[in-house]
Protein backbone atom coordinates (compact mmCIF):
# COMPACT_ATOMS: atom_id res chain seq x y z
CA MET A 1 107.68 -88.31 -169.18
CA ILE A 2 107.64 -91.51 -171.25
CA SER A 3 109.58 -94.40 -169.85
CA ARG A 4 112.31 -95.99 -171.97
CA LYS A 5 110.37 -99.25 -172.12
CA LEU A 6 107.19 -97.49 -173.30
CA PHE A 7 109.16 -95.43 -175.79
CA ILE A 8 110.64 -98.58 -177.35
CA TYR A 9 107.14 -100.09 -177.48
CA PHE A 10 105.76 -97.07 -179.38
CA LEU A 11 108.81 -97.09 -181.62
CA ASN A 12 108.19 -100.71 -182.52
CA ILE A 13 104.50 -100.04 -183.14
CA SER A 14 105.32 -97.03 -185.34
CA GLY A 15 107.84 -99.06 -187.26
CA TRP A 16 105.29 -101.81 -187.79
CA LEU A 17 102.70 -99.28 -189.01
CA LEU A 18 105.16 -97.68 -191.41
CA CYS A 19 106.16 -101.09 -192.69
CA SER A 20 102.48 -102.04 -193.12
CA MET A 21 101.72 -98.82 -194.99
CA ASN A 22 104.63 -99.51 -197.32
CA VAL A 23 103.30 -103.00 -197.96
CA PHE A 24 99.80 -101.71 -198.66
CA ALA A 25 101.18 -99.00 -200.93
CA GLN A 26 103.09 -101.50 -203.03
CA LYS A 27 102.32 -101.69 -206.72
CA PRO A 28 99.67 -104.41 -207.33
CA SER A 29 101.08 -107.44 -209.07
CA TRP A 30 98.28 -107.37 -211.69
CA THR A 31 99.92 -104.31 -213.26
CA GLU A 32 102.62 -106.63 -214.66
CA TYR A 33 101.74 -108.82 -217.66
CA GLU A 34 103.19 -112.12 -216.40
CA ASP A 35 101.67 -111.71 -212.93
CA ARG A 36 98.34 -110.69 -214.41
CA ILE A 37 97.95 -113.78 -216.58
CA SER A 38 99.00 -115.91 -213.61
CA MET A 39 96.46 -114.27 -211.27
CA PHE A 40 93.65 -114.34 -213.83
CA PRO A 41 94.11 -117.45 -216.02
CA LYS A 42 92.00 -117.34 -219.17
CA SER A 43 90.31 -120.64 -218.26
CA GLU A 44 88.83 -119.06 -215.13
CA TYR A 45 88.54 -115.33 -215.82
CA VAL A 46 87.62 -112.79 -218.44
CA ILE A 47 89.59 -109.58 -218.01
CA GLY A 48 90.11 -106.13 -219.47
CA PHE A 49 93.23 -104.12 -218.69
CA ASN A 50 94.47 -100.68 -219.62
CA SER A 51 97.31 -98.38 -218.60
CA ASP A 52 98.73 -94.97 -219.40
CA GLY A 53 102.05 -93.25 -218.72
CA ASN A 54 103.17 -89.71 -218.02
CA VAL A 55 100.07 -89.03 -215.90
CA SER A 56 100.33 -86.15 -213.45
CA SER A 57 98.95 -86.57 -209.93
CA TYR A 58 96.49 -83.76 -210.74
CA ASP A 59 94.96 -85.86 -213.59
CA ALA A 60 95.35 -89.25 -211.90
CA ASP A 61 91.75 -89.72 -210.72
CA ASP A 62 90.19 -88.76 -214.06
CA THR A 63 92.68 -90.89 -215.97
CA GLN A 64 92.00 -93.93 -213.81
CA GLU A 65 88.24 -93.58 -214.39
CA GLU A 66 88.85 -93.30 -218.13
CA LEU A 67 91.15 -96.34 -218.12
CA LEU A 68 88.57 -98.29 -216.14
CA GLU A 69 85.95 -97.58 -218.78
CA TYR A 70 88.37 -98.75 -221.49
CA ALA A 71 89.05 -101.93 -219.49
CA ARG A 72 85.29 -102.63 -219.26
CA ILE A 73 84.88 -102.07 -223.00
CA GLN A 74 87.84 -104.35 -223.72
CA LEU A 75 86.41 -107.14 -221.55
CA ILE A 76 82.92 -106.94 -223.01
CA GLU A 77 84.27 -106.70 -226.55
CA SER A 78 86.38 -109.84 -226.03
CA ILE A 79 83.20 -111.73 -225.07
CA ASN A 80 81.43 -110.25 -228.08
CA VAL A 81 84.23 -111.46 -230.40
CA THR A 82 83.97 -114.95 -228.88
CA ILE A 83 80.21 -115.00 -229.48
CA LYS A 84 80.63 -113.92 -233.11
CA SER A 85 83.34 -116.54 -233.66
CA ILE A 86 81.26 -119.37 -232.19
CA GLY A 87 78.21 -118.38 -234.22
CA THR A 88 80.14 -118.03 -237.47
CA LEU A 89 82.75 -120.78 -237.24
CA ASN A 90 81.16 -123.32 -234.87
CA ILE A 91 84.46 -123.57 -232.99
CA THR A 92 82.89 -124.73 -229.73
CA ASN A 93 82.48 -128.33 -228.63
CA VAL A 94 78.71 -128.45 -228.95
CA ASN A 95 76.55 -130.54 -231.24
CA THR A 96 74.88 -129.25 -234.39
CA GLN A 97 71.48 -128.77 -232.78
CA THR A 98 72.94 -126.78 -229.88
CA HIS A 99 75.03 -124.69 -232.28
CA GLU A 100 72.00 -123.81 -234.41
CA TYR A 101 70.05 -122.82 -231.29
CA PHE A 102 73.05 -120.75 -230.15
CA LYS A 103 73.08 -118.88 -233.49
CA LYS A 104 69.45 -117.94 -233.01
CA THR A 105 69.76 -116.93 -229.36
CA SER A 106 73.02 -115.00 -229.86
CA ALA A 107 71.26 -112.63 -232.27
CA SER A 108 69.46 -111.06 -229.30
CA TYR A 109 72.64 -110.63 -227.25
CA SER A 110 73.37 -107.14 -225.96
CA LYS A 111 77.07 -106.57 -225.31
CA VAL A 112 76.20 -103.78 -222.85
CA ASN A 113 74.65 -106.06 -220.23
CA LEU A 114 77.13 -108.02 -218.10
CA THR A 115 76.81 -108.87 -214.42
CA GLY A 116 79.46 -109.74 -211.82
CA LEU A 117 82.17 -107.36 -213.04
CA GLN A 118 84.87 -106.38 -210.51
CA THR A 119 87.30 -103.50 -210.98
CA GLU A 120 90.53 -102.07 -209.51
CA THR A 121 92.70 -99.05 -210.27
CA TYR A 122 96.20 -97.99 -209.23
CA TYR A 123 98.34 -94.89 -209.69
CA ASP A 124 102.13 -95.05 -209.38
CA LYS A 125 103.16 -91.56 -208.25
CA LYS A 126 106.86 -92.19 -208.69
CA GLN A 127 106.58 -93.51 -212.27
CA LYS A 128 103.51 -91.37 -213.08
CA GLU A 129 101.70 -94.40 -214.46
CA ALA A 130 97.98 -95.22 -214.09
CA TYR A 131 96.42 -98.68 -214.33
CA ALA A 132 92.93 -100.18 -214.39
CA ILE A 133 91.62 -103.72 -214.54
CA ALA A 134 88.13 -105.18 -214.91
CA TYR A 135 87.61 -108.89 -214.37
CA ALA A 136 84.94 -111.51 -213.81
CA HIS A 137 85.18 -115.10 -212.61
CA ARG A 138 83.83 -117.42 -215.33
CA PRO A 139 82.26 -120.09 -213.05
CA THR A 140 80.58 -117.41 -210.93
CA LEU A 141 79.19 -115.70 -214.03
CA VAL A 142 77.95 -119.00 -215.46
CA LYS A 143 76.23 -119.87 -212.18
CA SER A 144 74.45 -116.50 -212.09
CA TYR A 145 73.18 -116.95 -215.65
CA VAL A 146 72.05 -120.52 -214.94
CA ASN A 147 70.04 -119.19 -211.98
CA GLN A 148 68.61 -116.41 -214.15
CA ILE A 149 67.41 -118.93 -216.74
CA LYS A 150 65.70 -121.03 -214.08
CA LYS A 151 64.13 -117.98 -212.40
CA ASN A 152 62.84 -116.56 -215.70
CA GLY A 153 61.47 -119.96 -216.66
CA GLU A 154 59.42 -120.05 -213.44
CA THR A 155 58.13 -116.50 -214.05
CA ILE A 156 57.15 -117.36 -217.63
CA SER A 157 55.24 -120.41 -216.39
CA ARG A 158 53.25 -118.25 -213.91
CA LYS A 159 52.45 -115.61 -216.55
CA MET A 160 51.33 -118.29 -219.00
CA GLN A 161 48.96 -119.66 -216.34
CA SER A 162 47.53 -116.18 -215.76
CA ALA A 163 47.11 -115.67 -219.50
CA ASP A 164 45.33 -119.01 -219.84
CA ASN A 165 42.94 -118.06 -217.02
CA PHE A 166 42.11 -114.70 -218.67
CA TYR A 167 41.57 -116.41 -222.02
CA ALA A 168 39.26 -118.99 -220.44
CA ARG A 169 37.13 -116.10 -219.08
CA GLY A 170 37.01 -114.44 -222.51
CA ASP A 171 39.32 -111.55 -221.50
CA ASN A 172 41.55 -111.59 -224.58
CA GLN A 173 43.12 -108.19 -223.84
CA ASN A 174 44.58 -109.27 -220.48
CA ALA A 175 45.44 -112.69 -221.87
CA LEU A 176 47.50 -111.03 -224.60
CA LYS A 177 49.13 -108.67 -222.12
CA ASN A 178 50.34 -111.58 -219.97
CA TYR A 179 51.55 -113.54 -222.98
CA PHE A 180 53.41 -110.47 -224.26
CA GLU A 181 55.06 -109.99 -220.87
CA THR A 182 56.78 -113.36 -221.30
CA LEU A 183 58.57 -112.24 -224.47
CA PRO A 184 61.29 -110.01 -222.89
CA LEU A 185 61.88 -112.82 -220.38
CA PHE A 186 62.56 -115.19 -223.28
CA ARG A 187 65.04 -112.62 -224.64
CA GLU A 188 66.82 -112.49 -221.26
CA ILE A 189 67.04 -116.28 -221.25
CA GLU A 190 68.50 -116.25 -224.76
CA GLU A 191 71.10 -113.70 -223.70
CA ALA A 192 72.04 -115.70 -220.59
CA TYR A 193 72.27 -118.90 -222.66
CA THR A 194 74.54 -117.12 -225.17
CA LEU A 195 76.86 -115.93 -222.42
CA ILE A 196 77.02 -119.37 -220.79
CA ILE A 197 78.23 -120.99 -224.00
CA ALA A 198 80.68 -118.16 -224.68
CA LEU A 199 82.10 -118.34 -221.14
CA GLU A 200 81.99 -122.12 -220.72
CA GLY A 201 82.77 -123.23 -224.29
CA GLY A 202 79.65 -125.39 -224.31
CA ILE A 203 76.27 -125.99 -222.76
CA VAL A 204 76.02 -126.65 -219.01
CA SER A 205 74.20 -129.95 -218.40
CA GLU A 206 72.43 -128.41 -215.41
CA ILE A 207 70.19 -126.30 -217.66
CA GLU A 208 69.59 -128.65 -220.62
CA LYS A 209 66.23 -129.72 -219.23
CA SER A 210 65.29 -126.11 -218.41
CA ILE A 211 66.09 -124.99 -221.97
CA GLU A 212 63.96 -127.79 -223.45
CA GLU A 213 61.05 -126.79 -221.20
CA ILE A 214 61.48 -123.09 -222.03
CA ASN A 215 61.46 -123.88 -225.76
CA SER A 216 58.13 -125.66 -225.32
CA TYR A 217 56.83 -122.59 -223.43
CA LYS A 218 57.90 -120.33 -226.28
CA TYR A 219 56.11 -122.47 -228.87
CA THR A 220 52.94 -122.45 -226.75
CA VAL A 221 53.08 -118.67 -226.24
CA ASN A 222 53.58 -117.96 -229.97
CA GLU A 223 50.68 -120.24 -230.88
CA ALA A 224 48.42 -118.67 -228.26
CA ILE A 225 49.20 -115.11 -229.43
CA ALA A 226 48.63 -116.07 -233.07
CA ASN A 227 45.33 -117.71 -232.14
CA ILE A 228 44.03 -114.68 -230.19
CA GLN A 229 45.14 -112.19 -232.83
CA GLN A 230 44.18 -114.48 -235.71
CA SER A 231 47.59 -113.69 -237.14
CA ASN A 232 48.47 -116.83 -239.08
CA ASN A 233 47.96 -115.32 -242.55
CA LEU A 234 49.34 -111.79 -242.28
CA ASN A 235 50.84 -109.59 -244.93
CA LEU A 236 53.73 -107.25 -244.11
CA SER A 237 51.52 -104.30 -243.10
CA ASP A 238 49.33 -106.51 -240.90
CA LEU A 239 52.40 -107.91 -239.15
CA ALA A 240 53.81 -104.41 -238.53
CA PHE A 241 50.44 -103.31 -237.08
CA MET A 242 50.22 -106.38 -234.83
CA MET A 243 53.75 -105.93 -233.45
CA ALA A 244 53.28 -102.18 -232.86
CA LYS A 245 50.06 -102.96 -230.98
CA GLY A 246 51.98 -105.46 -228.86
CA TYR A 247 54.50 -102.81 -227.86
CA GLN A 248 51.68 -100.44 -226.95
CA LEU A 249 50.21 -103.05 -224.59
CA GLN A 250 53.58 -103.72 -222.94
CA THR A 251 54.80 -100.14 -222.36
CA ASN A 252 53.67 -96.64 -221.54
CA LYS A 253 54.29 -93.93 -224.11
CA PRO A 254 58.01 -92.98 -223.89
CA THR A 255 58.80 -89.33 -223.12
CA ARG A 256 62.01 -89.35 -225.17
CA PRO A 257 62.61 -90.46 -228.78
CA ILE A 258 63.12 -94.16 -229.52
CA ARG A 259 65.77 -95.21 -231.97
CA LEU A 260 64.51 -97.79 -234.48
CA ALA A 261 67.46 -99.72 -235.91
CA ASN A 262 67.37 -101.51 -239.25
CA PHE A 263 66.51 -105.18 -238.68
CA THR A 264 69.15 -107.70 -239.77
CA TYR A 265 69.16 -111.11 -241.48
CA GLN A 266 69.34 -113.98 -238.99
CA ASP A 267 72.56 -113.75 -236.93
CA THR A 268 74.72 -112.13 -239.64
CA LYS A 269 74.18 -108.44 -238.74
CA MET A 270 73.54 -107.89 -242.49
CA THR A 271 70.70 -105.70 -243.70
CA SER A 272 68.79 -106.16 -246.96
CA GLN A 273 66.00 -104.81 -249.13
CA PHE A 274 63.55 -106.41 -246.71
CA SER A 275 65.16 -104.44 -243.82
CA LYS A 276 64.40 -101.15 -245.56
CA ARG A 277 60.82 -102.06 -246.51
CA TRP A 278 60.06 -103.39 -243.03
CA GLY A 279 61.66 -100.40 -241.31
CA THR A 280 59.47 -97.94 -243.23
CA LEU A 281 56.27 -99.84 -242.41
CA PHE A 282 57.12 -100.60 -238.79
CA GLU A 283 58.13 -97.02 -238.01
CA LYS A 284 54.78 -95.77 -239.35
CA MET A 285 52.87 -98.29 -237.21
CA LEU A 286 54.90 -97.47 -234.08
CA VAL A 287 53.97 -93.80 -234.54
CA ASP A 288 50.33 -94.31 -235.56
CA VAL A 289 49.40 -97.26 -233.33
CA ALA A 290 51.75 -97.15 -230.31
CA ASP A 291 52.20 -93.35 -230.37
CA TYR A 292 55.98 -93.79 -230.05
CA PRO A 293 58.25 -90.79 -230.74
CA ILE A 294 60.89 -92.06 -233.21
CA ALA A 295 64.34 -90.46 -233.42
CA SER A 296 65.22 -89.05 -236.82
CA ALA A 297 67.43 -91.48 -238.73
CA SER A 298 68.84 -88.73 -240.94
CA ALA A 299 70.55 -86.65 -238.25
CA ASP A 300 74.31 -87.16 -237.84
CA ASN A 301 75.13 -89.09 -234.68
CA TYR A 302 71.47 -89.12 -233.64
CA TYR A 303 71.98 -92.34 -231.74
CA ALA A 304 72.93 -92.57 -228.07
CA ASP A 305 75.58 -95.05 -227.03
CA VAL A 306 77.25 -95.97 -223.75
CA ASN A 307 80.64 -96.05 -225.48
CA PRO A 308 82.57 -93.05 -224.07
CA PHE A 309 84.17 -92.45 -227.48
CA LYS A 310 80.91 -91.23 -228.96
CA GLU A 311 80.22 -87.54 -229.32
CA THR A 312 76.80 -86.34 -230.36
CA SER A 313 75.52 -82.92 -231.28
CA THR A 314 72.07 -83.56 -229.79
CA THR A 315 70.86 -82.26 -226.44
CA ASP A 316 69.93 -84.65 -223.61
CA SER A 317 66.23 -84.18 -224.29
CA GLN A 318 66.75 -85.21 -227.93
CA LYS A 319 68.86 -88.30 -227.25
CA PRO A 320 67.02 -91.63 -227.37
CA LEU A 321 66.75 -93.57 -224.10
CA TYR A 322 65.54 -96.73 -225.82
CA ILE A 323 66.28 -98.68 -228.96
CA ILE A 324 64.29 -101.26 -230.91
CA THR A 325 66.42 -103.82 -232.70
CA GLY A 326 65.39 -106.96 -234.50
CA THR A 327 66.20 -109.90 -236.72
CA PHE A 328 64.32 -111.83 -239.38
CA TRP A 329 64.67 -115.56 -239.99
CA GLU A 330 63.78 -117.89 -242.84
CA GLU A 331 61.81 -120.77 -241.34
CA GLY A 332 60.64 -123.07 -244.10
CA GLU A 333 57.75 -121.35 -245.87
CA LYS A 334 57.66 -118.49 -243.38
CA VAL A 335 59.75 -115.50 -242.36
CA ARG A 336 59.78 -114.83 -238.62
CA ILE A 337 60.55 -111.37 -237.23
CA ILE A 338 61.87 -111.00 -233.67
CA SER A 339 62.20 -107.52 -232.12
CA ILE A 340 63.37 -106.16 -228.78
CA LEU A 341 62.92 -102.82 -227.01
CA ARG A 342 65.94 -102.12 -224.78
CA ASP A 343 67.20 -99.48 -222.43
CA ILE A 344 70.23 -98.12 -224.31
CA GLU A 345 72.36 -97.51 -221.22
CA THR A 346 71.83 -100.85 -219.44
CA GLY A 347 70.97 -103.08 -222.39
CA LYS A 348 68.02 -104.53 -220.44
CA ALA A 349 65.16 -105.93 -222.55
CA LEU A 350 61.99 -104.00 -221.59
CA ALA A 351 59.57 -105.40 -224.16
CA SER A 352 59.63 -107.74 -227.13
CA MET A 353 57.45 -108.80 -230.04
CA GLU A 354 57.67 -111.43 -232.71
CA GLY A 355 55.54 -112.77 -235.52
CA SER A 356 55.71 -114.48 -238.89
CA MET A 357 54.37 -114.19 -242.40
CA SER A 358 54.45 -116.15 -245.64
CA ALA A 359 57.79 -116.05 -247.46
CA GLN A 360 55.90 -116.47 -250.74
CA LEU A 361 54.11 -113.14 -250.20
CA LEU A 362 57.48 -111.41 -250.09
CA THR A 363 58.69 -113.22 -253.20
CA ASP A 364 55.50 -112.31 -255.07
CA ASN A 365 56.17 -108.64 -254.26
CA ASN A 366 59.88 -108.83 -255.25
CA ILE A 367 61.04 -108.16 -251.69
CA PHE A 368 64.33 -109.97 -251.10
CA VAL A 369 65.06 -111.21 -247.59
CA LYS A 370 68.78 -111.82 -248.16
CA PRO A 371 71.26 -109.18 -249.35
CA GLU A 372 72.11 -109.31 -253.06
CA ASN A 373 75.61 -110.73 -252.54
CA PHE A 374 74.86 -112.79 -249.43
CA GLU A 375 76.96 -115.89 -250.24
CA GLU A 376 80.10 -113.88 -251.01
CA ALA A 377 79.58 -111.58 -248.01
CA TYR A 378 79.02 -114.49 -245.62
CA SER A 379 82.15 -116.24 -246.87
CA GLU A 380 84.08 -113.03 -246.20
CA LEU A 381 82.52 -112.82 -242.73
CA LYS A 382 83.88 -116.29 -241.89
CA THR A 383 87.35 -115.32 -243.12
CA PHE A 384 87.32 -112.21 -240.93
CA ALA A 385 86.23 -114.29 -237.91
CA LYS A 386 89.36 -116.47 -238.01
CA ASP A 387 91.95 -115.23 -235.48
CA ASP A 388 89.92 -112.10 -234.81
CA ILE A 389 91.73 -109.51 -232.68
CA SER A 390 90.44 -108.99 -229.14
CA GLY A 391 91.69 -108.10 -225.66
CA SER A 392 94.14 -105.35 -226.64
CA GLU A 393 94.83 -102.25 -224.58
CA LEU A 394 94.55 -100.33 -227.84
CA ILE A 395 90.92 -99.49 -228.65
CA VAL A 396 89.82 -98.15 -232.00
CA ASP A 397 86.28 -96.99 -232.58
CA THR A 398 84.71 -96.19 -235.92
CA TRP A 399 81.29 -94.99 -236.93
CA THR A 400 79.47 -93.29 -239.79
CA ASN A 401 76.96 -90.46 -240.02
CA HIS A 402 74.27 -93.17 -239.73
CA GLY A 403 75.82 -94.97 -236.76
CA GLU A 404 77.90 -98.13 -236.62
CA GLU A 405 75.48 -101.08 -236.85
CA ASN A 406 72.62 -102.27 -239.09
CA LEU A 407 73.54 -99.71 -241.74
CA ILE A 408 71.78 -99.03 -245.04
CA TYR A 409 72.87 -96.47 -247.61
CA THR A 410 70.86 -95.90 -250.78
CA GLU A 411 72.06 -94.76 -254.19
CA GLY A 412 73.25 -91.14 -254.16
CA GLU A 413 73.43 -90.91 -250.36
CA THR A 414 76.64 -89.61 -248.74
CA MET A 415 78.54 -91.51 -246.08
CA ASN A 416 80.96 -89.82 -243.67
CA VAL A 417 83.36 -91.91 -241.58
CA TYR A 418 84.90 -91.09 -238.18
CA VAL A 419 87.56 -92.76 -236.04
CA LYS A 420 88.78 -92.38 -232.48
CA VAL A 421 91.58 -94.15 -230.56
CA ASN A 422 92.73 -94.24 -226.94
CA LYS A 423 96.50 -94.41 -227.59
CA PRO A 424 98.95 -93.06 -230.19
CA CYS A 425 98.90 -95.44 -233.16
CA TYR A 426 98.90 -95.93 -236.92
CA ILE A 427 95.58 -96.34 -238.75
CA ARG A 428 94.72 -98.37 -241.86
CA PHE A 429 91.29 -98.13 -243.57
CA ILE A 430 90.22 -100.77 -246.12
CA TYR A 431 86.84 -100.74 -247.83
CA HIS A 432 85.56 -104.09 -249.18
CA THR A 433 83.03 -103.41 -251.95
CA ALA A 434 80.07 -105.56 -253.01
CA ASP A 435 81.90 -106.81 -256.13
CA GLY A 436 84.84 -108.14 -254.08
CA SER A 437 87.24 -105.22 -254.62
CA LYS A 438 89.34 -103.96 -251.72
CA VAL A 439 90.14 -100.25 -251.65
CA LEU A 440 92.91 -98.86 -249.43
CA LEU A 441 91.39 -95.58 -248.26
CA LEU A 442 93.99 -94.61 -245.66
CA ASP A 443 97.29 -96.19 -244.70
CA ASN A 444 99.78 -95.57 -241.89
CA TYR A 445 97.99 -92.42 -240.82
CA TYR A 446 99.58 -91.57 -237.48
CA ILE A 447 97.47 -90.31 -234.59
CA ASP A 448 99.81 -88.75 -232.06
CA GLU A 449 99.40 -88.11 -228.34
CA SER A 450 97.79 -84.70 -228.92
CA ASN A 451 94.97 -86.29 -230.95
CA VAL A 452 94.24 -89.28 -228.72
CA ASN A 453 90.57 -89.44 -227.68
CA LYS A 454 89.66 -86.91 -230.37
CA VAL A 455 87.43 -87.56 -233.36
CA TYR A 456 89.18 -87.84 -236.70
CA LYS A 457 86.91 -87.50 -239.73
CA ILE A 458 88.07 -89.23 -242.89
CA PRO A 459 88.51 -86.24 -245.22
CA GLU A 460 86.64 -87.81 -248.15
CA ASP A 461 82.87 -88.06 -248.46
CA PHE A 462 81.67 -91.31 -250.02
CA GLU A 463 78.70 -91.40 -252.38
CA CYS A 464 76.67 -94.61 -252.56
CA THR A 465 76.85 -96.09 -256.08
CA GLY A 466 76.68 -99.56 -257.65
CA PRO A 467 77.47 -102.39 -257.45
CA PHE A 468 75.10 -102.82 -254.53
CA GLY A 469 75.07 -105.29 -251.67
CA VAL A 470 76.83 -105.95 -248.36
CA GLU A 471 80.13 -104.09 -247.99
CA THR A 472 82.65 -103.93 -245.13
CA LEU A 473 84.65 -101.05 -243.73
CA GLN A 474 87.72 -102.54 -242.02
CA VAL A 475 89.72 -100.32 -239.67
CA ASN A 476 92.98 -101.49 -238.14
CA ALA A 477 95.20 -99.73 -235.64
CA GLN A 478 98.60 -100.67 -234.27
CA THR A 479 101.48 -99.05 -232.43
CA VAL A 480 104.01 -99.70 -235.24
CA THR A 481 103.74 -98.99 -238.95
CA PHE A 482 101.89 -101.45 -241.18
CA SER A 483 103.71 -103.55 -243.74
CA PRO A 484 102.93 -102.39 -247.29
CA LEU A 485 100.14 -103.98 -249.34
CA ASN A 486 100.29 -104.65 -253.07
CA VAL A 487 98.06 -102.08 -254.77
CA ARG A 488 97.25 -100.65 -258.17
CA ASN A 489 95.97 -97.13 -258.66
CA GLN A 490 92.75 -96.83 -260.65
CA TYR A 491 90.15 -94.05 -260.82
CA GLY A 492 92.16 -92.19 -258.18
CA TYR A 493 91.94 -95.03 -255.63
CA ASP A 494 94.44 -97.67 -254.49
CA PHE A 495 92.92 -101.10 -255.16
CA ILE A 496 94.52 -103.94 -253.17
CA ILE A 497 95.73 -106.81 -255.35
CA ASP A 498 96.24 -109.31 -252.47
CA ASP A 499 93.36 -111.62 -251.50
CA LEU A 500 91.59 -111.26 -248.16
CA GLU A 501 93.67 -113.93 -246.37
CA GLU A 502 96.89 -112.16 -247.42
CA VAL A 503 95.52 -108.78 -246.34
CA LEU A 504 94.58 -110.13 -242.90
CA ALA A 505 97.91 -111.93 -242.48
CA ASN A 506 99.69 -108.69 -243.32
CA THR A 507 97.50 -106.49 -241.12
CA ARG A 508 97.40 -108.87 -238.13
CA GLY A 509 100.99 -110.02 -238.55
CA PHE A 510 102.35 -108.63 -235.27
CA LYS A 511 99.68 -110.30 -233.16
CA LYS A 512 102.02 -112.51 -231.10
CA LYS A 513 104.41 -109.73 -230.12
CA GLU A 514 103.37 -108.44 -226.71
CA GLU A 515 105.09 -105.06 -227.14
CA VAL A 516 102.95 -104.25 -230.20
CA LEU A 517 99.32 -103.30 -229.55
CA LEU A 518 96.69 -104.13 -232.18
CA ALA A 519 93.03 -103.31 -232.64
CA GLU A 520 90.45 -103.90 -235.35
CA LYS A 521 86.93 -102.67 -235.98
CA ARG A 522 84.63 -103.66 -238.85
CA ILE A 523 81.37 -102.09 -239.94
CA LEU A 524 78.92 -103.90 -242.22
CA ILE A 525 77.13 -101.62 -244.68
CA THR A 526 74.38 -102.58 -247.12
CA THR A 527 74.11 -100.41 -250.23
CA MET A 528 71.06 -100.51 -252.47
CA GLN A 529 69.18 -98.69 -255.18
CA ASN A 530 66.37 -96.32 -254.27
């Protein structure tokens, strides 16, 4: 028999426990917009947030995982937009020299790789609403990248010393191997440096000296490699052979296909005639010299991507695990090529090669480094970068039958376009051609709840014809209908009469209204003759 005093004690304890459970079960304050921006001020945090309603308890766990992935994508994409804006518009408070270095380092940035991410989810059973948030503390991230730069700098110094010792003993093979092993470390430093500026809005004084020292290391390494390989006067084929050989020395033969992306001009993400010529040569050398299995570039959706929107028809054994990307830079009388082998899923740089050749040799062979309409396309790129949309719960993804980045289509080739969204919304497709025309391909196409997270293929097939050059596929999505654009119908297409600034003002016009969700995706495409 329980005494009255003991009974009251247990009653009080039970009441306290029930009260505590109710407190712990309360809806997190970050699920509300005003509380969220107060808890995670933009000056201190980068965040991604997503929610969904009418979620049954049976689907709650799966929905929360899905929303969490969307939140991660949103966060990483917001950083990516910041990086593009800084590189294109120079909107950060850094000097000209730092900005130019940032443009070069940001070209190697992989938006997949981000450390220090924290996540939370919540399901409201009563309201049947699911929530997810991903966030990272800016100062903590910056500190981790500063430490990474210093650590990699120390490792590079040790490998350079080992390489020098091998070279002094006449062992050029091991000297080269150690020099080559510094190259992916340089890429990691560049990526960390890019993220620091994007997160901090400028360079951190703590690493200025380290960056200067690392730049001197890089110059020394490039000179040493060129000296050992006697690669100061290479033609395009020689350079492709040398870089393929470098990859062979750095890696074992992969057991799965490698995707070789088209290399792009400087930090613009634009391809050119040079991209196509180099890609053909480099692929042959990777197969013949490094014995790399290369994924077929002609197969629809052959590429693997960590984005959960992507659907591929290939089996796991056919999907690439690695990707080689690269850029080429005009440096006075030379053109320098920088390439990186990455793990597709993690974005980690596993190997890297770079080299240079005479720009005059390319000119003599009528190989153009820049796209045909570069000046016009770059001007358009800067216009797009102003007030770019980022951080929305609405996510729109778009890709073609050749992928979504570093694209080249040649005369007569067919392009198919696909879109996928995570919420019901209206879609607008605008195609910006090489001659400056703007074609409204699709407008106010509504994707309802039943078609969310499903692939929609644009019904038309597009054949590559002149004029040739860099073109842009602009895809906008929003949760209300778009305002009409001024168009004229010609050749069966609606050509937009408004200029680009007017089109963007119209399409992004609801940006400041919190109840309206907006998203934008752009794909750069280079068209050229066979």
